Amino acid sequence: MAKIKHIAIVTMDAPKLAEFYTKVFDMKILHSSKSGATYLTDGYINVALLPNKAEGKPNGLNHIGFEIDNQEEIARRIEAFGIKAPAQRPRNRPYAETRGCDPEGNNFDLSVHGFQEVEYEADRERGIKRVQEKVDA
């Protein structure tokens, strides 16, 4: 199976977005290029913050998922940037418990339970673990 190794976000302000991701999620800066791009890592997946050069490329992406240790601590860090705390996801959605956004409006899902198993909030409350179904093509 191929493995995702990086995600790219087109941004109006790469240094500002890099500051957000390093301070909120403790990501590390790998490299800042002369072109203005900044490359971050969490040790598993790299995130390229690419400057929008008015070439018709839209800013952003759909969302990123972060597995975190503490919802309240991450919410506090996000609010320190003047951004609304992450909101609770609908109970009928698996994986992430909350969704927030960065300073440019890029969405991210936050999960203490991870993304490896299908878990709904109601199941977690009842202590139920679902078995991940494998679909063969």
N, C-alpha and C. Protein backbone atom coordinates (compact mmCIF):
# COMPACT_ATOMS: atom_id res chain seq x y z
N MET A 1 0.84 -1.16 0.00
CA MET A 1 0.00 0.00 0.00
C MET A 1 0.89 1.24 0.00
N ALA A 2 0.53 2.21 -0.82
CA ALA A 2 1.24 3.49 -0.81
C ALA A 2 0.93 4.21 0.49
N LYS A 3 1.86 5.02 0.95
CA LYS A 3 1.67 5.74 2.21
C LYS A 3 1.76 7.24 1.94
N ILE A 4 0.86 8.00 2.49
CA ILE A 4 0.89 9.45 2.36
C ILE A 4 2.11 9.96 3.12
N LYS A 5 2.94 10.73 2.47
CA LYS A 5 4.14 11.27 3.11
C LYS A 5 4.10 12.78 3.22
N HIS A 6 3.30 13.45 2.39
CA HIS A 6 3.17 14.89 2.56
C HIS A 6 1.85 15.41 2.02
N ILE A 7 1.47 16.54 2.54
CA ILE A 7 0.28 17.27 2.13
C ILE A 7 0.77 18.68 1.81
N ALA A 8 0.22 19.29 0.78
CA ALA A 8 0.60 20.66 0.44
C ALA A 8 -0.60 21.58 0.62
N ILE A 9 -0.34 22.72 1.22
CA ILE A 9 -1.36 23.75 1.41
C ILE A 9 -0.86 25.01 0.69
N VAL A 10 -1.66 25.54 -0.23
CA VAL A 10 -1.35 26.81 -0.87
C VAL A 10 -1.83 27.90 0.08
N THR A 11 -0.97 28.87 0.36
CA THR A 11 -1.26 29.85 1.39
C THR A 11 -0.85 31.26 0.99
N MET A 12 -1.50 32.22 1.56
CA MET A 12 -1.13 33.62 1.34
C MET A 12 0.03 34.04 2.24
N ASP A 13 0.26 33.32 3.35
CA ASP A 13 1.29 33.71 4.31
C ASP A 13 1.90 32.47 4.95
N ALA A 14 2.87 31.87 4.26
CA ALA A 14 3.50 30.63 4.75
C ALA A 14 4.13 30.78 6.13
N PRO A 15 4.89 31.86 6.41
CA PRO A 15 5.47 31.97 7.75
C PRO A 15 4.42 32.04 8.87
N LYS A 16 3.33 32.75 8.63
CA LYS A 16 2.27 32.84 9.65
C LYS A 16 1.63 31.47 9.87
N LEU A 17 1.36 30.74 8.79
CA LEU A 17 0.75 29.42 8.91
C LEU A 17 1.73 28.45 9.57
N ALA A 18 3.03 28.56 9.27
CA ALA A 18 4.04 27.72 9.91
C ALA A 18 4.07 27.98 11.41
N GLU A 19 3.98 29.24 11.80
CA GLU A 19 3.96 29.58 13.23
C GLU A 19 2.76 28.93 13.91
N PHE A 20 1.60 28.98 13.28
CA PHE A 20 0.40 28.36 13.83
C PHE A 20 0.61 26.86 14.04
N TYR A 21 1.05 26.13 13.01
CA TYR A 21 1.20 24.68 13.12
C TYR A 21 2.32 24.27 14.08
N THR A 22 3.37 25.07 14.18
CA THR A 22 4.44 24.72 15.12
C THR A 22 4.02 25.00 16.56
N LYS A 23 3.30 26.08 16.79
CA LYS A 23 2.90 26.41 18.16
C LYS A 23 1.71 25.61 18.66
N VAL A 24 0.75 25.34 17.79
CA VAL A 24 -0.45 24.60 18.22
C VAL A 24 -0.21 23.10 18.25
N PHE A 25 0.42 22.55 17.22
CA PHE A 25 0.57 21.10 17.11
C PHE A 25 2.00 20.61 17.31
N ASP A 26 2.90 21.49 17.73
CA ASP A 26 4.31 21.13 17.98
C ASP A 26 5.01 20.54 16.76
N MET A 27 4.55 20.88 15.54
CA MET A 27 5.24 20.42 14.34
C MET A 27 6.60 21.12 14.26
N LYS A 28 7.51 20.53 13.54
CA LYS A 28 8.86 21.07 13.38
C LYS A 28 9.05 21.58 11.96
N ILE A 29 9.78 22.68 11.82
CA ILE A 29 10.12 23.20 10.49
C ILE A 29 11.31 22.41 9.97
N LEU A 30 11.14 21.83 8.79
CA LEU A 30 12.22 21.09 8.13
C LEU A 30 13.07 22.02 7.28
N HIS A 31 12.39 22.94 6.59
CA HIS A 31 13.09 23.76 5.61
C HIS A 31 12.22 24.96 5.23
N SER A 32 12.86 26.08 4.99
CA SER A 32 12.20 27.24 4.40
C SER A 32 12.97 27.59 3.14
N SER A 33 12.28 27.62 2.02
CA SER A 33 12.96 27.84 0.74
C SER A 33 13.03 29.32 0.38
N LYS A 34 13.89 29.64 -0.57
CA LYS A 34 14.01 31.01 -1.07
C LYS A 34 12.73 31.46 -1.76
N SER A 35 11.95 30.50 -2.25
CA SER A 35 10.70 30.84 -2.94
C SER A 35 9.58 31.21 -1.97
N GLY A 36 9.84 31.03 -0.67
CA GLY A 36 8.83 31.37 0.34
C GLY A 36 8.08 30.18 0.89
N ALA A 37 8.33 28.99 0.37
CA ALA A 37 7.67 27.79 0.89
C ALA A 37 8.30 27.40 2.22
N THR A 38 7.47 26.84 3.10
CA THR A 38 7.94 26.32 4.38
C THR A 38 7.48 24.88 4.48
N TYR A 39 8.38 24.00 4.92
CA TYR A 39 8.08 22.58 5.01
C TYR A 39 8.13 22.15 6.47
N LEU A 40 7.04 21.55 6.93
CA LEU A 40 6.88 21.11 8.32
C LEU A 40 6.79 19.60 8.39
N THR A 41 7.00 19.05 9.60
CA THR A 41 6.79 17.61 9.79
C THR A 41 6.29 17.34 11.20
N ASP A 42 5.55 16.25 11.32
CA ASP A 42 5.19 15.74 12.64
C ASP A 42 6.00 14.48 12.93
N GLY A 43 6.94 14.17 12.06
CA GLY A 43 7.76 12.98 12.19
C GLY A 43 7.26 11.82 11.34
N TYR A 44 6.03 11.92 10.83
CA TYR A 44 5.45 10.88 10.00
C TYR A 44 5.05 11.43 8.64
N ILE A 45 4.36 12.57 8.66
CA ILE A 45 3.88 13.21 7.43
C ILE A 45 4.40 14.63 7.39
N ASN A 46 4.84 15.04 6.21
CA ASN A 46 5.30 16.41 6.02
C ASN A 46 4.18 17.26 5.43
N VAL A 47 4.18 18.54 5.78
CA VAL A 47 3.22 19.49 5.25
C VAL A 47 4.00 20.60 4.57
N ALA A 48 3.75 20.78 3.28
CA ALA A 48 4.39 21.86 2.52
C ALA A 48 3.43 23.05 2.49
N LEU A 49 3.90 24.19 2.97
CA LEU A 49 3.12 25.42 2.93
C LEU A 49 3.66 26.23 1.75
N LEU A 50 2.90 26.26 0.67
CA LEU A 50 3.36 26.85 -0.59
C LEU A 50 2.73 28.22 -0.80
N PRO A 51 3.55 29.23 -1.11
CA PRO A 51 2.99 30.56 -1.30
C PRO A 51 2.10 30.64 -2.54
N ASN A 52 0.97 31.32 -2.41
CA ASN A 52 0.10 31.57 -3.54
C ASN A 52 0.73 32.68 -4.37
N LYS A 53 1.04 32.36 -5.60
CA LYS A 53 1.71 33.33 -6.48
C LYS A 53 0.74 33.90 -7.51
N ALA A 54 -0.54 33.91 -7.17
CA ALA A 54 -1.58 34.45 -8.06
C ALA A 54 -1.55 33.79 -9.43
N GLU A 55 -1.34 32.49 -9.45
CA GLU A 55 -1.30 31.73 -10.70
C GLU A 55 -2.60 30.98 -10.93
N GLY A 56 -3.65 31.38 -10.25
CA GLY A 56 -4.94 30.73 -10.43
C GLY A 56 -5.17 29.53 -9.53
N LYS A 57 -4.19 29.18 -8.69
CA LYS A 57 -4.37 28.07 -7.77
C LYS A 57 -5.16 28.56 -6.56
N PRO A 58 -6.21 27.85 -6.17
CA PRO A 58 -6.94 28.27 -4.97
C PRO A 58 -6.14 27.95 -3.71
N ASN A 59 -6.34 28.73 -2.67
CA ASN A 59 -5.72 28.44 -1.38
C ASN A 59 -6.37 27.22 -0.76
N GLY A 60 -5.58 26.51 0.07
CA GLY A 60 -6.12 25.51 0.97
C GLY A 60 -6.25 24.10 0.43
N LEU A 61 -6.93 23.28 1.20
CA LEU A 61 -7.26 21.90 0.90
C LEU A 61 -8.55 21.59 1.65
N ASN A 62 -9.02 20.36 1.60
CA ASN A 62 -10.27 20.04 2.29
C ASN A 62 -10.06 19.98 3.79
N HIS A 63 -9.22 19.08 4.27
CA HIS A 63 -8.89 19.05 5.69
C HIS A 63 -7.72 18.11 5.94
N ILE A 64 -7.12 18.27 7.12
CA ILE A 64 -6.05 17.41 7.62
C ILE A 64 -6.59 16.79 8.91
N GLY A 65 -6.20 15.57 9.21
CA GLY A 65 -6.58 14.95 10.48
C GLY A 65 -5.38 14.84 11.41
N PHE A 66 -5.51 15.35 12.62
CA PHE A 66 -4.45 15.26 13.63
C PHE A 66 -4.89 14.34 14.75
N GLU A 67 -4.07 13.36 15.09
CA GLU A 67 -4.27 12.57 16.29
C GLU A 67 -3.54 13.30 17.42
N ILE A 68 -4.27 13.64 18.47
CA ILE A 68 -3.73 14.46 19.56
C ILE A 68 -3.92 13.77 20.89
N ASP A 69 -3.25 14.28 21.92
CA ASP A 69 -3.38 13.71 23.26
C ASP A 69 -4.45 14.40 24.10
N ASN A 70 -4.70 15.69 23.84
CA ASN A 70 -5.55 16.45 24.75
C ASN A 70 -6.33 17.51 23.98
N GLN A 71 -7.65 17.32 23.88
CA GLN A 71 -8.51 18.27 23.17
C GLN A 71 -8.47 19.66 23.80
N GLU A 72 -8.51 19.72 25.13
CA GLU A 72 -8.58 21.01 25.82
C GLU A 72 -7.30 21.83 25.61
N GLU A 73 -6.14 21.18 25.65
CA GLU A 73 -4.87 21.89 25.45
C GLU A 73 -4.78 22.45 24.03
N ILE A 74 -5.17 21.66 23.05
CA ILE A 74 -5.13 22.14 21.66
C ILE A 74 -6.12 23.28 21.48
N ALA A 75 -7.30 23.18 22.07
CA ALA A 75 -8.28 24.27 21.98
C ALA A 75 -7.71 25.55 22.58
N ARG A 76 -7.02 25.44 23.71
CA ARG A 76 -6.41 26.61 24.35
C ARG A 76 -5.38 27.25 23.43
N ARG A 77 -4.56 26.44 22.80
CA ARG A 77 -3.53 26.96 21.90
C ARG A 77 -4.15 27.66 20.69
N ILE A 78 -5.21 27.06 20.15
CA ILE A 78 -5.89 27.66 19.00
C ILE A 78 -6.50 29.00 19.38
N GLU A 79 -7.16 29.05 20.52
CA GLU A 79 -7.77 30.30 20.98
C GLU A 79 -6.72 31.38 21.22
N ALA A 80 -5.50 30.98 21.59
CA ALA A 80 -4.41 31.95 21.77
C ALA A 80 -4.07 32.66 20.46
N PHE A 81 -4.43 32.06 19.32
CA PHE A 81 -4.24 32.69 18.02
C PHE A 81 -5.45 33.55 17.64
N GLY A 82 -6.42 33.67 18.54
CA GLY A 82 -7.61 34.47 18.24
C GLY A 82 -8.60 33.75 17.34
N ILE A 83 -8.51 32.42 17.32
CA ILE A 83 -9.38 31.60 16.48
C ILE A 83 -10.35 30.85 17.39
N LYS A 84 -11.57 30.68 16.92
CA LYS A 84 -12.58 29.94 17.67
C LYS A 84 -12.11 28.51 17.95
N ALA A 85 -12.39 28.03 19.15
CA ALA A 85 -12.02 26.66 19.54
C ALA A 85 -12.69 25.65 18.62
N PRO A 86 -12.08 24.48 18.44
CA PRO A 86 -12.69 23.45 17.59
C PRO A 86 -14.08 23.07 18.08
N ALA A 87 -14.95 22.77 17.12
CA ALA A 87 -16.34 22.41 17.42
C ALA A 87 -16.51 20.89 17.43
N GLN A 88 -17.45 20.45 18.21
CA GLN A 88 -17.78 19.02 18.27
C GLN A 88 -18.26 18.55 16.90
N ARG A 89 -17.78 17.40 16.46
CA ARG A 89 -18.25 16.81 15.20
C ARG A 89 -19.59 16.12 15.46
N PRO A 90 -20.40 15.91 14.41
CA PRO A 90 -21.66 15.19 14.60
C PRO A 90 -21.42 13.80 15.19
N ARG A 91 -22.31 13.37 16.06
CA ARG A 91 -22.15 12.08 16.75
C ARG A 91 -22.16 10.89 15.79
N ASN A 92 -22.73 11.06 14.59
CA ASN A 92 -22.81 9.95 13.65
C ASN A 92 -21.61 9.89 12.70
N ARG A 93 -20.54 10.62 13.01
CA ARG A 93 -19.32 10.59 12.20
C ARG A 93 -18.23 9.85 12.97
N PRO A 94 -17.56 8.91 12.33
CA PRO A 94 -16.48 8.20 13.02
C PRO A 94 -15.20 9.03 13.04
N TYR A 95 -14.23 8.51 13.71
CA TYR A 95 -12.86 9.02 13.76
C TYR A 95 -12.72 10.26 14.63
N ALA A 96 -12.92 11.44 14.10
CA ALA A 96 -12.58 12.68 14.81
C ALA A 96 -13.70 13.13 15.73
N GLU A 97 -13.28 13.68 16.87
CA GLU A 97 -14.25 14.20 17.83
C GLU A 97 -14.58 15.68 17.57
N THR A 98 -13.58 16.45 17.10
CA THR A 98 -13.80 17.87 16.87
C THR A 98 -13.21 18.29 15.53
N ARG A 99 -13.64 19.48 15.06
CA ARG A 99 -13.08 20.07 13.84
C ARG A 99 -12.81 21.54 14.11
N GLY A 100 -11.64 21.98 13.68
CA GLY A 100 -11.27 23.38 13.79
C GLY A 100 -10.71 23.88 12.48
N CYS A 101 -10.16 25.10 12.51
CA CYS A 101 -9.52 25.62 11.31
C CYS A 101 -8.31 26.46 11.69
N ASP A 102 -7.41 26.60 10.73
CA ASP A 102 -6.22 27.40 10.94
C ASP A 102 -6.52 28.87 10.58
N PRO A 103 -5.54 29.77 10.68
CA PRO A 103 -5.80 31.18 10.41
C PRO A 103 -6.31 31.49 9.01
N GLU A 104 -6.09 30.59 8.05
CA GLU A 104 -6.56 30.83 6.68
C GLU A 104 -7.84 30.07 6.37
N GLY A 105 -8.43 29.41 7.37
CA GLY A 105 -9.69 28.72 7.18
C GLY A 105 -9.57 27.28 6.71
N ASN A 106 -8.35 26.72 6.68
CA ASN A 106 -8.19 25.31 6.33
C ASN A 106 -8.69 24.45 7.49
N ASN A 107 -9.60 23.54 7.19
CA ASN A 107 -10.18 22.69 8.23
C ASN A 107 -9.24 21.58 8.65
N PHE A 108 -9.32 21.22 9.93
CA PHE A 108 -8.63 20.03 10.42
C PHE A 108 -9.52 19.32 11.42
N ASP A 109 -9.45 17.99 11.40
CA ASP A 109 -10.14 17.15 12.36
C ASP A 109 -9.17 16.81 13.47
N LEU A 110 -9.69 16.72 14.70
CA LEU A 110 -8.88 16.38 15.87
C LEU A 110 -9.46 15.14 16.53
N SER A 111 -8.59 14.18 16.82
CA SER A 111 -9.04 12.95 17.45
C SER A 111 -8.05 12.49 18.51
N VAL A 112 -8.56 12.22 19.68
CA VAL A 112 -7.77 11.61 20.74
C VAL A 112 -7.72 10.10 20.50
N HIS A 113 -8.75 9.56 19.87
CA HIS A 113 -8.88 8.12 19.68
C HIS A 113 -8.20 7.62 18.41
N GLY A 114 -7.76 8.50 17.54
CA GLY A 114 -7.04 8.10 16.34
C GLY A 114 -7.96 7.86 15.16
N PHE A 115 -7.34 7.51 14.05
CA PHE A 115 -8.05 7.34 12.79
C PHE A 115 -7.95 5.91 12.27
N GLN A 116 -7.43 4.99 13.09
CA GLN A 116 -7.22 3.63 12.62
C GLN A 116 -8.47 2.76 12.74
N GLU A 117 -9.39 3.10 13.62
CA GLU A 117 -10.59 2.30 13.82
C GLU A 117 -11.82 3.16 13.67
N VAL A 118 -12.90 2.55 13.14
CA VAL A 118 -14.16 3.26 13.01
C VAL A 118 -14.79 3.33 14.40
N GLU A 119 -14.83 4.52 14.97
CA GLU A 119 -15.42 4.71 16.29
C GLU A 119 -16.35 5.92 16.26
N TYR A 120 -17.58 5.69 16.66
CA TYR A 120 -18.56 6.77 16.77
C TYR A 120 -18.60 7.21 18.23
N GLU A 121 -18.99 8.45 18.46
CA GLU A 121 -19.04 8.96 19.83
C GLU A 121 -19.91 8.10 20.73
N ALA A 122 -21.08 7.70 20.24
CA ALA A 122 -21.98 6.87 21.05
C ALA A 122 -21.33 5.53 21.41
N ASP A 123 -20.56 4.96 20.48
CA ASP A 123 -19.86 3.70 20.75
C ASP A 123 -18.80 3.91 21.84
N ARG A 124 -18.05 5.01 21.76
CA ARG A 124 -17.03 5.29 22.78
C ARG A 124 -17.67 5.44 24.15
N GLU A 125 -18.82 6.11 24.20
CA GLU A 125 -19.51 6.29 25.49
C GLU A 125 -19.94 4.95 26.09
N ARG A 126 -20.30 3.99 25.22
CA ARG A 126 -20.73 2.67 25.69
C ARG A 126 -19.57 1.69 25.80
N GLY A 127 -18.35 2.12 25.40
CA GLY A 127 -17.19 1.23 25.47
C GLY A 127 -17.16 0.17 24.39
N ILE A 128 -17.84 0.44 23.27
CA ILE A 128 -17.90 -0.53 22.17
C ILE A 128 -16.78 -0.25 21.17
N LYS A 129 -16.07 -1.30 20.78
CA LYS A 129 -15.05 -1.21 19.72
C LYS A 129 -15.59 -1.93 18.49
N ARG A 130 -15.60 -1.26 17.36
CA ARG A 130 -16.03 -1.88 16.11
C ARG A 130 -14.82 -2.49 15.42
N VAL A 131 -15.06 -3.54 14.67
CA VAL A 131 -14.00 -4.17 13.89
C VAL A 131 -13.94 -3.47 12.54
N GLN A 132 -12.74 -3.04 12.15
CA GLN A 132 -12.56 -2.38 10.85
C GLN A 132 -12.84 -3.39 9.75
N GLU A 133 -13.74 -3.05 8.84
CA GLU A 133 -14.05 -3.94 7.73
C GLU A 133 -13.05 -3.71 6.62
N LYS A 134 -12.56 -4.79 6.05
CA LYS A 134 -11.66 -4.68 4.90
C LYS A 134 -12.45 -5.01 3.65
N VAL A 135 -12.29 -4.16 2.66
CA VAL A 135 -12.99 -4.37 1.40
C VAL A 135 -11.96 -4.75 0.35
N ASP A 136 -12.17 -5.91 -0.24
CA ASP A 136 -11.28 -6.37 -1.31
C ASP A 136 -11.87 -5.98 -2.65
N ALA A 137 -11.02 -5.44 -3.50
CA ALA A 137 -11.48 -5.03 -4.83
C ALA A 137 -11.48 -6.19 -5.79
